[in-house]
Amino acid sequence: MATHRGGCHCGAVRFEFEGRVERAEVCNCSICRKTAYLHWYVDPEHFRLLSGEDALRDYRFGTRVARNLFCGTCGISAFRRARSDPDRIDINLRCVEALDVETLPVDYFDGVHWEEAFARRR
C-alpha cells in the first residue's frame, strides 16, 4: 500500500494516508463546486494528521452532518468528513503531493439532488 502526503496551501495542515488512489469523485453540490473538491475516501486507521490540528476550522451547514474542515490561515480544505460517509476521511486529491489528478478516472455524484443520488449509490 502506498503512502501519500499532502496538506493545505500555507503548510500549516499536513497529513498522510495509505492507499492506492485509483479514481476520483466530483460532486456538484454548492460547497464542492465552489471549492473544486476532488474526493477520495479512506478509513481513519489509514489517515494521520501530521500537523495543524489547531489550525483547522470546522464549517457546517444544511443537515450539519458534514464537517467541512479547512485551514484557518489559508482557507484550503485538504480533507473533511462528508455527509455521505461521515465515518471515513474525505481527502481532497488536489491537496495530495506527487499525484497527477488529471490521469484519474472520475465518478460524478449529483450532490444537488443529494438524497436521490445517495439512495442510488447504495
PDB file of N, CA and C in Angstrom:
ATOM      1  N   MET A   1       0.842  -1.178   0.000  1.00  0.00           N
ATOM      2  CA  MET A   1       0.000   0.000   0.000  1.00  0.00           C
ATOM      3  C   MET A   1       0.886   1.240   0.000  1.00  0.00           C
ATOM      4  N   ALA A   2       0.603   2.178  -0.869  1.00  0.00           N
ATOM      5  CA  ALA A   2       1.400   3.402  -0.990  1.00  0.00           C
ATOM      6  C   ALA A   2       1.041   4.402   0.103  1.00  0.00           C
ATOM      7  N   THR A   3       2.013   5.181   0.517  1.00  0.00           N
ATOM      8  CA  THR A   3       1.776   6.271   1.457  1.00  0.00           C
ATOM      9  C   THR A   3       1.833   7.580   0.684  1.00  0.00           C
ATOM     10  N   HIS A   4       0.806   8.383   0.854  1.00  0.00           N
ATOM     11  CA  HIS A   4       0.700   9.681   0.190  1.00  0.00           C
ATOM     12  C   HIS A   4       0.737  10.772   1.248  1.00  0.00           C
ATOM     13  N   ARG A   5       1.295  11.924   0.892  1.00  0.00           N
ATOM     14  CA  ARG A   5       1.330  13.080   1.788  1.00  0.00           C
ATOM     15  C   ARG A   5       0.667  14.264   1.115  1.00  0.00           C
ATOM     16  N   GLY A   6       0.136  15.130   1.947  1.00  0.00           N
ATOM     17  CA  GLY A   6      -0.493  16.322   1.415  1.00  0.00           C
ATOM     18  C   GLY A   6      -0.700  17.361   2.493  1.00  0.00           C
ATOM     19  N   GLY A   7      -1.368  18.435   2.108  1.00  0.00           N
ATOM     20  CA  GLY A   7      -1.633  19.489   3.069  1.00  0.00           C
ATOM     21  C   GLY A   7      -2.276  20.692   2.426  1.00  0.00           C
ATOM     22  N   CYS A   8      -2.423  21.712   3.228  1.00  0.00           N
ATOM     23  CA  CYS A   8      -3.032  22.958   2.765  1.00  0.00           C
ATOM     24  C   CYS A   8      -1.999  23.807   2.026  1.00  0.00           C
ATOM     25  N   HIS A   9      -2.402  24.957   1.562  1.00  0.00           N
ATOM     26  CA  HIS A   9      -1.528  25.828   0.771  1.00  0.00           C
ATOM     27  C   HIS A   9      -0.385  26.420   1.588  1.00  0.00           C
ATOM     28  N   CYS A  10      -0.669  26.856   2.812  1.00  0.00           N
ATOM     29  CA  CYS A  10       0.366  27.519   3.614  1.00  0.00           C
ATOM     30  C   CYS A  10       1.263  26.522   4.352  1.00  0.00           C
ATOM     31  N   GLY A  11       0.871  25.249   4.395  1.00  0.00           N
ATOM     32  CA  GLY A  11       1.682  24.228   5.040  1.00  0.00           C
ATOM     33  C   GLY A  11       1.384  24.003   6.507  1.00  0.00           C
ATOM     34  N   ALA A  12       0.449  24.740   7.065  1.00  0.00           N
ATOM     35  CA  ALA A  12       0.111  24.556   8.480  1.00  0.00           C
ATOM     36  C   ALA A  12      -0.519  23.186   8.726  1.00  0.00           C
ATOM     37  N   VAL A  13      -1.379  22.749   7.820  1.00  0.00           N
ATOM     38  CA  VAL A  13      -2.055  21.455   7.943  1.00  0.00           C
ATOM     39  C   VAL A  13      -1.341  20.462   7.032  1.00  0.00           C
ATOM     40  N   ARG A  14      -0.831  19.380   7.615  1.00  0.00           N
ATOM     41  CA  ARG A  14      -0.123  18.339   6.880  1.00  0.00           C
ATOM     42  C   ARG A  14      -0.715  16.986   7.278  1.00  0.00           C
ATOM     43  N   PHE A  15      -0.830  16.095   6.321  1.00  0.00           N
ATOM     44  CA  PHE A  15      -1.377  14.772   6.601  1.00  0.00           C
ATOM     45  C   PHE A  15      -0.712  13.750   5.703  1.00  0.00           C
ATOM     46  N   GLU A  16      -0.940  12.480   6.037  1.00  0.00           N
ATOM     47  CA  GLU A  16      -0.561  11.392   5.158  1.00  0.00           C
ATOM     48  C   GLU A  16      -1.626  10.313   5.251  1.00  0.00           C
ATOM     49  N   PHE A  17      -1.720   9.520   4.204  1.00  0.00           N
ATOM     50  CA  PHE A  17      -2.655   8.402   4.207  1.00  0.00           C
ATOM     51  C   PHE A  17      -2.076   7.269   3.387  1.00  0.00           C
ATOM     52  N   GLU A  18      -2.547   6.080   3.680  1.00  0.00           N
ATOM     53  CA  GLU A  18      -2.139   4.886   2.961  1.00  0.00           C
ATOM     54  C   GLU A  18      -3.278   4.428   2.070  1.00  0.00           C
ATOM     55  N   GLY A  19      -2.934   4.023   0.888  1.00  0.00           N
ATOM     56  CA  GLY A  19      -3.939   3.514  -0.022  1.00  0.00           C
ATOM     57  C   GLY A  19      -3.509   3.693  -1.458  1.00  0.00           C
ATOM     58  N   ARG A  20      -4.239   3.062  -2.325  1.00  0.00           N
ATOM     59  CA  ARG A  20      -3.986   3.157  -3.756  1.00  0.00           C
ATOM     60  C   ARG A  20      -5.090   4.008  -4.366  1.00  0.00           C
ATOM     61  N   VAL A  21      -4.745   5.195  -4.803  1.00  0.00           N
ATOM     62  CA  VAL A  21      -5.721   6.102  -5.394  1.00  0.00           C
ATOM     63  C   VAL A  21      -5.938   5.681  -6.844  1.00  0.00           C
ATOM     64  N   GLU A  22      -7.144   5.211  -7.123  1.00  0.00           N
ATOM     65  CA  GLU A  22      -7.448   4.703  -8.452  1.00  0.00           C
ATOM     66  C   GLU A  22      -8.486   5.520  -9.190  1.00  0.00           C
ATOM     67  N   ARG A  23      -9.281   6.282  -8.450  1.00  0.00           N
ATOM     68  CA  ARG A  23     -10.379   7.056  -9.032  1.00  0.00           C
ATOM     69  C   ARG A  23     -10.550   8.328  -8.212  1.00  0.00           C
ATOM     70  N   ALA A  24     -11.319   9.224  -8.732  1.00  0.00           N
ATOM     71  CA  ALA A  24     -11.698  10.437  -8.006  1.00  0.00           C
ATOM     72  C   ALA A  24     -13.200  10.612  -8.154  1.00  0.00           C
ATOM     73  N   GLU A  25     -13.760  11.400  -7.266  1.00  0.00           N
ATOM     74  CA  GLU A  25     -15.182  11.697  -7.353  1.00  0.00           C
ATOM     75  C   GLU A  25     -15.371  13.206  -7.360  1.00  0.00           C
ATOM     76  N   VAL A  26     -16.226  13.660  -8.256  1.00  0.00           N
ATOM     77  CA  VAL A  26     -16.602  15.069  -8.338  1.00  0.00           C
ATOM     78  C   VAL A  26     -18.067  15.166  -7.953  1.00  0.00           C
ATOM     79  N   CYS A  27     -18.379  16.127  -7.109  1.00  0.00           N
ATOM     80  CA  CYS A  27     -19.750  16.365  -6.658  1.00  0.00           C
ATOM     81  C   CYS A  27     -20.150  17.767  -7.111  1.00  0.00           C
ATOM     82  N   ASN A  28     -21.413  17.924  -7.458  1.00  0.00           N
ATOM     83  CA  ASN A  28     -21.883  19.225  -7.921  1.00  0.00           C
ATOM     84  C   ASN A  28     -22.673  20.006  -6.866  1.00  0.00           C
ATOM     85  N   CYS A  29     -22.561  19.615  -5.595  1.00  0.00           N
ATOM     86  CA  CYS A  29     -23.251  20.386  -4.553  1.00  0.00           C
ATOM     87  C   CYS A  29     -22.590  21.760  -4.436  1.00  0.00           C
ATOM     88  N   SER A  30     -23.217  22.665  -3.735  1.00  0.00           N
ATOM     89  CA  SER A  30     -22.741  24.048  -3.693  1.00  0.00           C
ATOM     90  C   SER A  30     -21.329  24.186  -3.149  1.00  0.00           C
ATOM     91  N   ILE A  31     -20.996  23.496  -2.069  1.00  0.00           N
ATOM     92  CA  ILE A  31     -19.660  23.671  -1.493  1.00  0.00           C
ATOM     93  C   ILE A  31     -18.583  22.984  -2.326  1.00  0.00           C
ATOM     94  N   CYS A  32     -18.874  21.818  -2.867  1.00  0.00           N
ATOM     95  CA  CYS A  32     -17.879  21.124  -3.694  1.00  0.00           C
ATOM     96  C   CYS A  32     -17.607  21.891  -4.986  1.00  0.00           C
ATOM     97  N   ARG A  33     -18.648  22.450  -5.591  1.00  0.00           N
ATOM     98  CA  ARG A  33     -18.453  23.265  -6.803  1.00  0.00           C
ATOM     99  C   ARG A  33     -17.576  24.470  -6.510  1.00  0.00           C
ATOM    100  N   LYS A  34     -17.863  25.154  -5.418  1.00  0.00           N
ATOM    101  CA  LYS A  34     -17.144  26.398  -5.115  1.00  0.00           C
ATOM    102  C   LYS A  34     -15.718  26.165  -4.646  1.00  0.00           C
ATOM    103  N   THR A  35     -15.431  24.991  -4.095  1.00  0.00           N
ATOM    104  CA  THR A  35     -14.071  24.703  -3.622  1.00  0.00           C
ATOM    105  C   THR A  35     -13.297  23.786  -4.578  1.00  0.00           C
ATOM    106  N   ALA A  36     -13.937  23.322  -5.653  1.00  0.00           N
ATOM    107  CA  ALA A  36     -13.311  22.424  -6.635  1.00  0.00           C
ATOM    108  C   ALA A  36     -12.756  21.168  -5.966  1.00  0.00           C
ATOM    109  N   TYR A  37     -13.480  20.654  -4.986  1.00  0.00           N
ATOM    110  CA  TYR A  37     -13.065  19.473  -4.230  1.00  0.00           C
ATOM    111  C   TYR A  37     -13.042  18.247  -5.132  1.00  0.00           C
ATOM    112  N   LEU A  38     -12.009  17.452  -5.018  1.00  0.00           N
ATOM    113  CA  LEU A  38     -11.865  16.204  -5.752  1.00  0.00           C
ATOM    114  C   LEU A  38     -11.717  15.099  -4.705  1.00  0.00           C
ATOM    115  N   HIS A  39     -12.741  14.277  -4.545  1.00  0.00           N
ATOM    116  CA  HIS A  39     -12.881  13.366  -3.414  1.00  0.00           C
ATOM    117  C   HIS A  39     -12.178  12.020  -3.581  1.00  0.00           C
ATOM    118  N   TRP A  40     -11.623  11.551  -2.458  1.00  0.00           N
ATOM    119  CA  TRP A  40     -11.122  10.193  -2.294  1.00  0.00           C
ATOM    120  C   TRP A  40     -11.297   9.856  -0.820  1.00  0.00           C
ATOM    121  N   TYR A  41     -11.906   8.712  -0.504  1.00  0.00           N
ATOM    122  CA  TYR A  41     -12.228   8.349   0.874  1.00  0.00           C
ATOM    123  C   TYR A  41     -11.278   7.282   1.407  1.00  0.00           C
ATOM    124  N   VAL A  42     -10.856   7.452   2.664  1.00  0.00           N
ATOM    125  CA  VAL A  42     -10.033   6.449   3.332  1.00  0.00           C
ATOM    126  C   VAL A  42     -10.579   6.200   4.733  1.00  0.00           C
ATOM    127  N   ASP A  43     -10.339   5.002   5.231  1.00  0.00           N
ATOM    128  CA  ASP A  43     -10.713   4.682   6.605  1.00  0.00           C
ATOM    129  C   ASP A  43      -9.789   5.440   7.558  1.00  0.00           C
ATOM    130  N   PRO A  44     -10.292   5.854   8.716  1.00  0.00           N
ATOM    131  CA  PRO A  44      -9.486   6.637   9.661  1.00  0.00           C
ATOM    132  C   PRO A  44      -8.171   5.983  10.070  1.00  0.00           C
ATOM    133  N   GLU A  45      -8.140   4.652  10.115  1.00  0.00           N
ATOM    134  CA  GLU A  45      -6.901   3.983  10.522  1.00  0.00           C
ATOM    135  C   GLU A  45      -5.798   4.105   9.463  1.00  0.00           C
ATOM    136  N   HIS A  46      -6.143   4.554   8.259  1.00  0.00           N
ATOM    137  CA  HIS A  46      -5.158   4.751   7.197  1.00  0.00           C
ATOM    138  C   HIS A  46      -4.794   6.227   7.005  1.00  0.00           C
ATOM    139  N   PHE A  47      -5.256   7.074   7.917  1.00  0.00           N
ATOM    140  CA  PHE A  47      -5.031   8.522   7.827  1.00  0.00           C
ATOM    141  C   PHE A  47      -4.317   9.015   9.082  1.00  0.00           C
ATOM    142  N   ARG A  48      -3.340   9.892   8.895  1.00  0.00           N
ATOM    143  CA  ARG A  48      -2.641  10.511  10.028  1.00  0.00           C
ATOM    144  C   ARG A  48      -2.520  12.004   9.793  1.00  0.00           C
ATOM    145  N   LEU A  49      -3.006  12.774  10.753  1.00  0.00           N
ATOM    146  CA  LEU A  49      -2.797  14.216  10.729  1.00  0.00           C
ATOM    147  C   LEU A  49      -1.411  14.455  11.308  1.00  0.00           C
ATOM    148  N   LEU A  50      -0.508  14.995  10.511  1.00  0.00           N
ATOM    149  CA  LEU A  50       0.876  15.197  10.931  1.00  0.00           C
ATOM    150  C   LEU A  50       1.066  16.521  11.658  1.00  0.00           C
ATOM    151  N   SER A  51       0.320  17.541  11.250  1.00  0.00           N
ATOM    152  CA  SER A  51       0.413  18.845  11.906  1.00  0.00           C
ATOM    153  C   SER A  51      -0.809  19.680  11.554  1.00  0.00           C
ATOM    154  N   GLY A  52      -1.078  20.660  12.397  1.00  0.00           N
ATOM    155  CA  GLY A  52      -2.109  21.633  12.094  1.00  0.00           C
ATOM    156  C   GLY A  52      -3.468  21.425  12.712  1.00  0.00           C
ATOM    157  N   GLU A  53      -3.579  20.515  13.656  1.00  0.00           N
ATOM    158  CA  GLU A  53      -4.898  20.317  14.270  1.00  0.00           C
ATOM    159  C   GLU A  53      -5.439  21.627  14.827  1.00  0.00           C
ATOM    160  N   ASP A  54      -4.579  22.428  15.416  1.00  0.00           N
ATOM    161  CA  ASP A  54      -5.005  23.706  15.981  1.00  0.00           C
ATOM    162  C   ASP A  54      -5.339  24.743  14.908  1.00  0.00           C
ATOM    163  N   ALA A  55      -4.902  24.537  13.673  1.00  0.00           N
ATOM    164  CA  ALA A  55      -5.191  25.465  12.578  1.00  0.00           C
ATOM    165  C   ALA A  55      -6.529  25.170  11.907  1.00  0.00           C
ATOM    166  N   LEU A  56      -7.073  23.972  12.128  1.00  0.00           N
ATOM    167  CA  LEU A  56      -8.310  23.571  11.455  1.00  0.00           C
ATOM    168  C   LEU A  56      -9.532  24.306  11.991  1.00  0.00           C
ATOM    169  N   ARG A  57     -10.385  24.693  11.071  1.00  0.00           N
ATOM    170  CA  ARG A  57     -11.689  25.272  11.397  1.00  0.00           C
ATOM    171  C   ARG A  57     -12.742  24.331  10.822  1.00  0.00           C
ATOM    172  N   ASP A  58     -13.933  24.360  11.389  1.00  0.00           N
ATOM    173  CA  ASP A  58     -14.997  23.433  11.028  1.00  0.00           C
ATOM    174  C   ASP A  58     -16.225  24.230  10.602  1.00  0.00           C
ATOM    175  N   TYR A  59     -16.619  24.075   9.348  1.00  0.00           N
ATOM    176  CA  TYR A  59     -17.808  24.746   8.829  1.00  0.00           C
ATOM    177  C   TYR A  59     -18.877  23.696   8.560  1.00  0.00           C
ATOM    178  N   ARG A  60     -20.051  23.920   9.137  1.00  0.00           N
ATOM    179  CA  ARG A  60     -21.177  23.001   8.919  1.00  0.00           C
ATOM    180  C   ARG A  60     -22.372  23.792   8.426  1.00  0.00           C
ATOM    181  N   PHE A  61     -23.128  23.184   7.529  1.00  0.00           N
ATOM    182  CA  PHE A  61     -24.331  23.840   7.012  1.00  0.00           C
ATOM    183  C   PHE A  61     -25.372  22.775   6.716  1.00  0.00           C
ATOM    184  N   GLY A  62     -26.561  23.178   6.332  1.00  0.00           N
ATOM    185  CA  GLY A  62     -27.625  22.241   5.966  1.00  0.00           C
ATOM    186  C   GLY A  62     -27.942  21.274   7.090  1.00  0.00           C
ATOM    187  N   THR A  63     -27.711  19.993   6.867  1.00  0.00           N
ATOM    188  CA  THR A  63     -28.005  18.969   7.868  1.00  0.00           C
ATOM    189  C   THR A  63     -26.993  18.977   9.012  1.00  0.00           C
ATOM    190  N   ARG A  64     -25.891  19.672   8.847  1.00  0.00           N
ATOM    191  CA  ARG A  64     -24.822  19.809   9.836  1.00  0.00           C
ATOM    192  C   ARG A  64     -24.098  18.493  10.124  1.00  0.00           C
ATOM    193  N   VAL A  65     -24.257  17.504   9.246  1.00  0.00           N
ATOM    194  CA  VAL A  65     -23.572  16.223   9.401  1.00  0.00           C
ATOM    195  C   VAL A  65     -22.141  16.334   8.880  1.00  0.00           C
ATOM    196  N   ALA A  66     -21.972  16.924   7.720  1.00  0.00           N
ATOM    197  CA  ALA A  66     -20.636  17.057   7.126  1.00  0.00           C
ATOM    198  C   ALA A  66     -19.798  18.027   7.953  1.00  0.00           C
ATOM    199  N   ARG A  67     -18.542  17.650   8.153  1.00  0.00           N
ATOM    200  CA  ARG A  67     -17.571  18.531   8.813  1.00  0.00           C
ATOM    201  C   ARG A  67     -16.628  19.031   7.735  1.00  0.00           C
ATOM    202  N   ASN A  68     -16.874  20.227   7.247  1.00  0.00           N
ATOM    203  CA  ASN A  68     -16.056  20.835   6.213  1.00  0.00           C
ATOM    204  C   ASN A  68     -14.882  21.526   6.888  1.00  0.00           C
ATOM    205  N   LEU A  69     -13.804  20.785   7.027  1.00  0.00           N
ATOM    206  CA  LEU A  69     -12.618  21.277   7.720  1.00  0.00           C
ATOM    207  C   LEU A  69     -11.747  22.068   6.748  1.00  0.00           C
ATOM    208  N   PHE A  70     -11.178  23.156   7.230  1.00  0.00           N
ATOM    209  CA  PHE A  70     -10.297  23.968   6.398  1.00  0.00           C
ATOM    210  C   PHE A  70      -9.265  24.661   7.276  1.00  0.00           C
ATOM    211  N   CYS A  71      -8.161  25.048   6.669  1.00  0.00           N
ATOM    212  CA  CYS A  71      -7.103  25.750   7.388  1.00  0.00           C
ATOM    213  C   CYS A  71      -7.554  27.172   7.677  1.00  0.00           C
ATOM    214  N   GLY A  72      -7.459  27.576   8.928  1.00  0.00           N
ATOM    215  CA  GLY A  72      -7.853  28.921   9.327  1.00  0.00           C
ATOM    216  C   GLY A  72      -6.925  30.004   8.807  1.00  0.00           C
ATOM    217  N   THR A  73      -5.755  29.628   8.319  1.00  0.00           N
ATOM    218  CA  THR A  73      -4.808  30.611   7.775  1.00  0.00           C
ATOM    219  C   THR A  73      -5.012  30.819   6.281  1.00  0.00           C
ATOM    220  N   CYS A  74      -4.949  29.737   5.499  1.00  0.00           N
ATOM    221  CA  CYS A  74      -5.033  29.892   4.037  1.00  0.00           C
ATOM    222  C   CYS A  74      -6.409  29.557   3.464  1.00  0.00           C
ATOM    223  N   GLY A  75      -7.277  28.910   4.244  1.00  0.00           N
ATOM    224  CA  GLY A  75      -8.638  28.612   3.796  1.00  0.00           C
ATOM    225  C   GLY A  75      -8.809  27.338   2.989  1.00  0.00           C
ATOM    226  N   ILE A  76      -7.746  26.582   2.793  1.00  0.00           N
ATOM    227  CA  ILE A  76      -7.826  25.374   1.969  1.00  0.00           C
ATOM    228  C   ILE A  76      -8.402  24.207   2.762  1.00  0.00           C
ATOM    229  N   SER A  77      -9.331  23.478   2.114  1.00  0.00           N
ATOM    230  CA  SER A  77      -9.909  22.273   2.684  1.00  0.00           C
ATOM    231  C   SER A  77      -9.182  21.072   2.100  1.00  0.00           C
ATOM    232  N   ALA A  78      -8.236  20.531   2.855  1.00  0.00           N
ATOM    233  CA  ALA A  78      -7.428  19.403   2.381  1.00  0.00           C
ATOM    234  C   ALA A  78      -8.096  18.061   2.665  1.00  0.00           C
ATOM    235  N   PHE A  79      -8.953  18.021   3.674  1.00  0.00           N
ATOM    236  CA  PHE A  79      -9.714  16.816   3.989  1.00  0.00           C
ATOM    237  C   PHE A  79     -10.916  17.227   4.825  1.00  0.00           C
ATOM    238  N   ARG A  80     -11.888  16.325   4.918  1.00  0.00           N
ATOM    239  CA  ARG A  80     -13.090  16.591   5.697  1.00  0.00           C
ATOM    240  C   ARG A  80     -13.827  15.300   5.987  1.00  0.00           C
ATOM    241  N   ARG A  81     -14.929  15.434   6.699  1.00  0.00           N
ATOM    242  CA  ARG A  81     -15.847  14.313   6.950  1.00  0.00           C
ATOM    243  C   ARG A  81     -17.109  14.611   6.144  1.00  0.00           C
ATOM    244  N   ALA A  82     -17.386  13.786   5.150  1.00  0.00           N
ATOM    245  CA  ALA A  82     -18.511  14.026   4.248  1.00  0.00           C
ATOM    246  C   ALA A  82     -19.820  13.509   4.823  1.00  0.00           C
ATOM    247  N   ARG A  83     -20.884  14.134   4.454  1.00  0.00           N
ATOM    248  CA  ARG A  83     -22.219  13.694   4.855  1.00  0.00           C
ATOM    249  C   ARG A  83     -22.496  12.276   4.350  1.00  0.00           C
ATOM    250  N   SER A  84     -22.021  11.972   3.174  1.00  0.00           N
ATOM    251  CA  SER A  84     -22.295  10.665   2.574  1.00  0.00           C
ATOM    252  C   SER A  84     -21.524   9.532   3.233  1.00  0.00           C
ATOM    253  N   ASP A  85     -20.446   9.846   3.942  1.00  0.00           N
ATOM    254  CA  ASP A  85     -19.619   8.811   4.559  1.00  0.00           C
ATOM    255  C   ASP A  85     -18.888   9.406   5.771  1.00  0.00           C
ATOM    256  N   PRO A  86     -19.629   9.781   6.818  1.00  0.00           N
ATOM    257  CA  PRO A  86     -19.033  10.523   7.941  1.00  0.00           C
ATOM    258  C   PRO A  86     -18.045   9.728   8.790  1.00  0.00           C
ATOM    259  N   ASP A  87     -18.000   8.413   8.607  1.00  0.00           N
ATOM    260  CA  ASP A  87     -17.063   7.597   9.382  1.00  0.00           C
ATOM    261  C   ASP A  87     -15.712   7.440   8.686  1.00  0.00           C
ATOM    262  N   ARG A  88     -15.563   8.019   7.512  1.00  0.00           N
ATOM    263  CA  ARG A  88     -14.310   7.939   6.765  1.00  0.00           C
ATOM    264  C   ARG A  88     -13.761   9.349   6.558  1.00  0.00           C
ATOM    265  N   ILE A  89     -12.512   9.424   6.151  1.00  0.00           N
ATOM    266  CA  ILE A  89     -11.879  10.704   5.859  1.00  0.00           C
ATOM    267  C   ILE A  89     -12.006  10.952   4.358  1.00  0.00           C
ATOM    268  N   ASP A  90     -12.534  12.096   4.000  1.00  0.00           N
ATOM    269  CA  ASP A  90     -12.722  12.505   2.608  1.00  0.00           C
ATOM    270  C   ASP A  90     -11.561  13.436   2.250  1.00  0.00           C
ATOM    271  N   ILE A  91     -10.621  12.930   1.482  1.00  0.00           N
ATOM    272  CA  ILE A  91      -9.416  13.677   1.143  1.00  0.00           C
ATOM    273  C   ILE A  91      -9.623  14.424  -0.164  1.00  0.00           C
ATOM    274  N   ASN A  92      -9.197  15.676  -0.194  1.00  0.00           N
ATOM    275  CA  ASN A  92      -9.211  16.463  -1.416  1.00  0.00           C
ATOM    276  C   ASN A  92      -7.946  16.108  -2.192  1.00  0.00           C
ATOM    277  N   LEU A  93      -8.104  15.332  -3.255  1.00  0.00           N
ATOM    278  CA  LEU A  93      -6.949  14.862  -4.008  1.00  0.00           C
ATOM    279  C   LEU A  93      -6.136  16.000  -4.609  1.00  0.00           C
ATOM    280  N   ARG A  94      -6.722  17.169  -4.747  1.00  0.00           N
ATOM    281  CA  ARG A  94      -5.973  18.323  -5.255  1.00  0.00           C
ATOM    282  C   ARG A  94      -4.916  18.784  -4.260  1.00  0.00           C
ATOM    283  N   CYS A  95      -4.995  18.305  -3.019  1.00  0.00           N
ATOM    284  CA  CYS A  95      -4.044  18.682  -1.975  1.00  0.00           C
ATOM    285  C   CYS A  95      -3.003  17.610  -1.700  1.00  0.00           C
ATOM    286  N   VAL A  96      -2.976  16.558  -2.512  1.00  0.00           N
ATOM    287  CA  VAL A  96      -2.019  15.461  -2.329  1.00  0.00           C
ATOM    288  C   VAL A  96      -0.809  15.712  -3.226  1.00  0.00           C
ATOM    289  N   GLU A  97       0.363  15.626  -2.627  1.00  0.00           N
ATOM    290  CA  GLU A  97       1.608  15.856  -3.357  1.00  0.00           C
ATOM    291  C   GLU A  97       1.898  14.698  -4.304  1.00  0.00           C
ATOM    292  N   ALA A  98       2.556  14.999  -5.399  1.00  0.00           N
ATOM    293  CA  ALA A  98       3.049  13.999  -6.353  1.00  0.00           C
ATOM    294  C   ALA A  98       1.941  13.073  -6.862  1.00  0.00           C
ATOM    295  N   LEU A  99       0.755  13.609  -7.024  1.00  0.00           N
ATOM    296  CA  LEU A  99      -0.363  12.840  -7.559  1.00  0.00           C
ATOM    297  C   LEU A  99      -0.905  13.600  -8.761  1.00  0.00           C
ATOM    298  N   ASP A 100      -0.867  12.990  -9.921  1.00  0.00           N
ATOM    299  CA  ASP A 100      -1.374  13.628 -11.127  1.00  0.00           C
ATOM    300  C   ASP A 100      -2.866  13.343 -11.245  1.00  0.00           C
ATOM    301  N   VAL A 101      -3.676  14.246 -10.724  1.00  0.00           N
ATOM    302  CA  VAL A 101      -5.125  14.025 -10.691  1.00  0.00           C
ATOM    303  C   VAL A 101      -5.742  14.016 -12.092  1.00  0.00           C
ATOM    304  N   GLU A 102      -5.057  14.602 -13.049  1.00  0.00           N
ATOM    305  CA  GLU A 102      -5.580  14.645 -14.420  1.00  0.00           C
ATOM    306  C   GLU A 102      -5.623  13.257 -15.066  1.00  0.00           C
ATOM    307  N   THR A 103      -4.898  12.297 -14.522  1.00  0.00           N
ATOM    308  CA  THR A 103      -4.859  10.950 -15.100  1.00  0.00           C
ATOM    309  C   THR A 103      -5.894  10.015 -14.484  1.00  0.00           C
ATOM    310  N   LEU A 104      -6.590  10.465 -13.444  1.00  0.00           N
ATOM    311  CA  LEU A 104      -7.528   9.594 -12.731  1.00  0.00           C
ATOM    312  C   LEU A 104      -8.896   9.555 -13.402  1.00  0.00           C
ATOM    313  N   PRO A 105      -9.502   8.368 -13.486  1.00  0.00           N
ATOM    314  CA  PRO A 105     -10.904   8.303 -13.909  1.00  0.00           C
ATOM    315  C   PRO A 105     -11.761   9.014 -12.862  1.00  0.00           C
ATOM    316  N   VAL A 106     -12.850   9.619 -13.305  1.00  0.00           N
ATOM    317  CA  VAL A 106     -13.691  10.415 -12.414  1.00  0.00           C
ATOM    318  C   VAL A 106     -15.113   9.872 -12.393  1.00  0.00           C
ATOM    319  N   ASP A 107     -15.646   9.715 -11.192  1.00  0.00           N
ATOM    320  CA  ASP A 107     -17.053   9.390 -10.992  1.00  0.00           C
ATOM    321  C   ASP A 107     -17.767  10.676 -10.590  1.00  0.00           C
ATOM    322  N   TYR A 108     -19.012  10.812 -10.980  1.00  0.00           N
ATOM    323  CA  TYR A 108     -19.776  12.018 -10.665  1.00  0.00           C
ATOM    324  C   TYR A 108     -20.894  11.694  -9.687  1.00  0.00           C
ATOM    325  N   PHE A 109     -21.042  12.563  -8.692  1.00  0.00           N
ATOM    326  CA  PHE A 109     -22.103  12.421  -7.694  1.00  0.00           C
ATOM    327  C   PHE A 109     -22.989  13.652  -7.786  1.00  0.00           C
ATOM    328  N   ASP A 110     -24.285  13.444  -7.896  1.00  0.00           N
ATOM    329  CA  ASP A 110     -25.241  14.548  -8.035  1.00  0.00           C
ATOM    330  C   ASP A 110     -25.628  15.093  -6.664  1.00  0.00           C
ATOM    331  N   GLY A 111     -24.751  15.908  -6.099  1.00  0.00           N
ATOM    332  CA  GLY A 111     -24.984  16.477  -4.780  1.00  0.00           C
ATOM    333  C   GLY A 111     -26.095  17.510  -4.732  1.00  0.00           C
ATOM    334  N   VAL A 112     -26.471  18.053  -5.883  1.00  0.00           N
ATOM    335  CA  VAL A 112     -27.602  18.981  -5.924  1.00  0.00           C
ATOM    336  C   VAL A 112     -28.875  18.240  -5.528  1.00  0.00           C
ATOM    337  N   HIS A 113     -28.964  16.976  -5.911  1.00  0.00           N
ATOM    338  CA  HIS A 113     -30.099  16.109  -5.556  1.00  0.00           C
ATOM    339  C   HIS A 113     -29.573  15.000  -4.640  1.00  0.00           C
ATOM    340  N   TRP A 114     -29.021  15.400  -3.522  1.00  0.00           N
ATOM    341  CA  TRP A 114     -28.255  14.525  -2.644  1.00  0.00           C
ATOM    342  C   TRP A 114     -29.007  13.264  -2.227  1.00  0.00           C
ATOM    343  N   GLU A 115     -30.206  13.401  -1.711  1.00  0.00           N
ATOM    344  CA  GLU A 115     -30.943  12.243  -1.186  1.00  0.00           C
ATOM    345  C   GLU A 115     -31.163  11.186  -2.257  1.00  0.00           C
ATOM    346  N   GLU A 116     -31.597  11.607  -3.449  1.00  0.00           N
ATOM    347  CA  GLU A 116     -31.830  10.661  -4.532  1.00  0.00           C
ATOM    348  C   GLU A 116     -30.527  10.015  -5.004  1.00  0.00           C
ATOM    349  N   ALA A 117     -29.484  10.819  -5.135  1.00  0.00           N
ATOM    350  CA  ALA A 117     -28.188  10.302  -5.598  1.00  0.00           C
ATOM    351  C   ALA A 117     -27.601   9.331  -4.577  1.00  0.00           C
ATOM    352  N   PHE A 118     -27.735   9.633  -3.305  1.00  0.00           N
ATOM    353  CA  PHE A 118     -27.203   8.750  -2.266  1.00  0.00           C
ATOM    354  C   PHE A 118     -27.969   7.432  -2.249  1.00  0.00           C
ATOM    355  N   ALA A 119     -29.279   7.480  -2.428  1.00  0.00           N
ATOM    356  CA  ALA A 119     -30.088   6.261  -2.463  1.00  0.00           C
ATOM    357  C   ALA A 119     -29.675   5.377  -3.654  1.00  0.00           C
ATOM    358  N   ARG A 120     -29.362   5.989  -4.793  1.00  0.00           N
ATOM    359  CA  ARG A 120     -28.926   5.217  -5.980  1.00  0.00           C
ATOM    360  C   ARG A 120     -27.546   4.612  -5.756  1.00  0.00           C
ATOM    361  N   ARG A 121     -26.715   5.269  -4.981  1.00  0.00           N
ATOM    362  CA  ARG A 121     -25.341   4.825  -4.753  1.00  0.00           C
ATOM    363  C   ARG A 121     -25.306   3.537  -3.931  1.00  0.00           C
ATOM    364  N   ARG A 122     -26.228   3.363  -3.046  1.00  0.00           N
ATOM    365  CA  ARG A 122     -26.233   2.207  -2.135  1.00  0.00           C
ATOM    366  C   ARG A 122     -26.555   0.972  -2.827  1.00  0.00           C
TER     367      ARG A 122
END
